[in-house]
Amino acid sequence: MRVLLLTTGLLALNGCAGLPDPDPTQAWIDLAPPRDTQLQALKVDAKGAEDPRYFQVQPGSHELILRYQFAVAPGNIGGDAEEPLWRDCRLNVKFAGFNAGQRYQVRAGNIGFHPWARLYDEQHTLLGKAQPAGCQRS
């Protein structure tokens, strides 16, 4: 699993140079996962995201559906666990005020088994918190 995440991370870094220019008539949402995790754009308003590295949406209200993969440290699992437990989670972020030409950022993390994600604007103002939509082992 570590090799998969490392390979995916390296491919994502390679792909950053290939991101398109933001459309000034839409809002752009960057994804900021912590180190050694993966955060992907899955859907916008139940429609598949065009690219898993970011969201680009029309102004207005939208629901963003994210995939967040992370490891739970052995110390947070209990028992005799020696290896981390990988989790694959879905998170939903709703926001009614996306503006054209603005950049936003979704930051994600976890506390033990529990994932979280938050939406921020360019001034780092918290705009919304994700609702968990289910997790499974990966």
Protein backbone atom coordinates (compact mmCIF):
# COMPACT_ATOMS: atom_id res chain seq x y z
CA MET A 1 0.00 0.00 0.00
CA ARG A 2 2.87 2.36 0.78
CA VAL A 3 4.30 1.83 -2.69
CA LEU A 4 0.90 2.66 -4.20
CA LEU A 5 0.62 5.91 -2.24
CA LEU A 6 4.22 6.85 -3.02
CA THR A 7 3.73 6.18 -6.72
CA THR A 8 0.44 8.07 -6.75
CA GLY A 9 2.04 10.98 -4.88
CA LEU A 10 4.92 11.19 -7.34
CA LEU A 11 2.54 11.08 -10.28
CA ALA A 12 0.45 13.82 -8.67
CA LEU A 13 3.54 16.00 -8.23
CA ASN A 14 4.43 15.41 -11.86
CA GLY A 15 0.89 16.34 -12.85
CA CYS A 16 0.90 19.65 -10.95
CA ALA A 17 2.83 21.27 -13.77
CA GLY A 18 0.07 20.16 -16.10
CA LEU A 19 -2.83 21.83 -14.29
CA PRO A 20 -4.90 24.01 -16.60
CA ASP A 21 -5.21 27.75 -16.09
CA PRO A 22 -8.24 28.56 -13.94
CA ASP A 23 -11.29 29.77 -15.86
CA PRO A 24 -12.01 33.33 -14.62
CA THR A 25 -15.76 32.73 -14.95
CA GLN A 26 -15.61 29.87 -12.44
CA ALA A 27 -14.41 29.21 -8.89
CA TRP A 28 -11.28 27.07 -8.46
CA ILE A 29 -10.91 24.72 -5.47
CA ASP A 30 -7.43 23.39 -4.67
CA LEU A 31 -7.02 20.22 -2.63
CA ALA A 32 -4.41 20.24 0.14
CA PRO A 33 -3.85 16.80 1.66
CA PRO A 34 -1.34 16.30 4.46
CA ARG A 35 1.88 14.46 3.72
CA ASP A 36 1.54 10.68 3.15
CA THR A 37 -2.21 10.92 2.42
CA GLN A 38 -4.29 11.31 -0.70
CA LEU A 39 -7.19 13.71 -1.33
CA GLN A 40 -9.14 13.51 -4.59
CA ALA A 41 -12.04 15.34 -6.20
CA LEU A 42 -14.77 12.78 -6.98
CA LYS A 43 -18.02 14.61 -7.74
CA VAL A 44 -19.65 18.02 -7.90
CA ASP A 45 -23.41 17.98 -7.31
CA ALA A 46 -23.54 14.20 -8.07
CA LYS A 47 -21.69 14.68 -11.40
CA GLY A 48 -18.21 13.16 -11.77
CA ALA A 49 -15.30 15.59 -11.33
CA GLU A 50 -13.34 16.31 -14.52
CA ASP A 51 -9.96 15.96 -12.78
CA PRO A 52 -9.23 14.39 -9.37
CA ARG A 53 -6.61 17.08 -8.53
CA TYR A 54 -9.01 20.03 -8.16
CA PHE A 55 -12.57 21.29 -8.57
CA GLN A 56 -13.67 24.08 -10.90
CA VAL A 57 -17.30 25.14 -10.49
CA GLN A 58 -19.77 27.75 -11.67
CA PRO A 59 -20.57 30.49 -9.13
CA GLY A 60 -23.22 29.61 -6.58
CA SER A 61 -24.07 26.66 -4.40
CA HIS A 62 -22.36 23.28 -4.78
CA GLU A 63 -21.72 20.03 -2.97
CA LEU A 64 -18.18 18.70 -3.35
CA ILE A 65 -17.60 14.99 -2.81
CA LEU A 66 -14.06 14.03 -1.88
CA ARG A 67 -12.08 10.84 -1.41
CA TYR A 68 -9.56 10.92 1.42
CA GLN A 69 -7.10 8.06 2.03
CA PHE A 70 -4.94 7.99 5.15
CA ALA A 71 -3.23 5.64 7.57
CA VAL A 72 -4.25 5.22 11.20
CA ALA A 73 -1.10 4.80 13.29
CA PRO A 74 -0.72 1.49 15.17
CA GLY A 75 -0.87 3.35 18.49
CA ASN A 76 -4.39 4.54 17.61
CA ILE A 77 -5.62 1.06 16.67
CA GLY A 78 -5.03 -0.72 19.96
CA GLY A 79 -4.16 -4.29 20.73
CA ASP A 80 -0.99 -5.68 19.22
CA ALA A 81 -1.17 -3.69 15.98
CA GLU A 82 2.24 -3.21 14.38
CA GLU A 83 1.19 -1.93 10.98
CA PRO A 84 -0.92 1.14 10.19
CA LEU A 85 -4.51 0.62 9.07
CA TRP A 86 -5.31 2.35 5.79
CA ARG A 87 -8.70 4.05 5.48
CA ASP A 88 -10.54 5.12 2.32
CA CYS A 89 -13.20 7.70 3.15
CA ARG A 90 -15.76 9.90 1.42
CA LEU A 91 -16.44 13.42 2.64
CA ASN A 92 -19.07 15.92 1.47
CA VAL A 93 -18.55 19.69 1.61
CA LYS A 94 -21.46 22.04 0.86
CA PHE A 95 -21.03 25.76 0.24
CA ALA A 96 -23.53 28.26 -1.16
CA GLY A 97 -21.25 31.18 -2.00
CA PHE A 98 -18.67 30.16 -4.62
CA ASN A 99 -17.64 33.24 -6.63
CA ALA A 100 -16.26 33.48 -10.15
CA GLY A 101 -12.52 34.07 -10.34
CA GLN A 102 -11.95 33.16 -6.69
CA ARG A 103 -9.63 30.43 -5.42
CA TYR A 104 -10.60 28.19 -2.55
CA GLN A 105 -8.81 25.37 -0.76
CA VAL A 106 -9.96 22.15 0.88
CA ARG A 107 -7.63 20.95 3.63
CA ALA A 108 -8.02 17.47 5.07
CA GLY A 109 -6.70 15.43 7.96
CA ASN A 110 -7.70 12.85 10.48
CA ILE A 111 -7.87 12.27 14.21
CA GLY A 112 -7.38 8.54 14.65
CA PHE A 113 -10.04 6.81 12.54
CA HIS A 114 -12.03 10.01 11.97
CA PRO A 115 -11.36 12.06 8.80
CA TRP A 116 -12.08 15.76 8.49
CA ALA A 117 -11.96 18.35 5.72
CA ARG A 118 -12.49 22.11 5.72
CA LEU A 119 -13.09 24.65 2.97
CA TYR A 120 -11.20 27.97 3.08
CA ASP A 121 -11.19 31.08 0.91
CA GLU A 122 -8.13 33.03 -0.27
CA GLN A 123 -7.97 34.92 3.04
CA HIS A 124 -7.86 31.59 4.93
CA THR A 125 -11.36 32.14 6.31
CA LEU A 126 -13.15 28.93 7.22
CA LEU A 127 -16.22 28.61 4.97
CA GLY A 128 -17.40 25.09 5.65
CA LYS A 129 -16.71 21.72 7.21
CA ALA A 130 -17.13 18.36 5.52
CA GLN A 131 -19.62 15.77 6.61
CA PRO A 132 -18.33 12.18 6.65
CA ALA A 133 -20.02 9.93 4.11
CA GLY A 134 -18.48 6.57 5.02
CA CYS A 135 -15.10 4.86 5.28
CA GLN A 136 -13.68 1.46 4.55
CA ARG A 137 -10.34 -0.26 4.81
CA SER A 138 -8.21 0.22 1.74
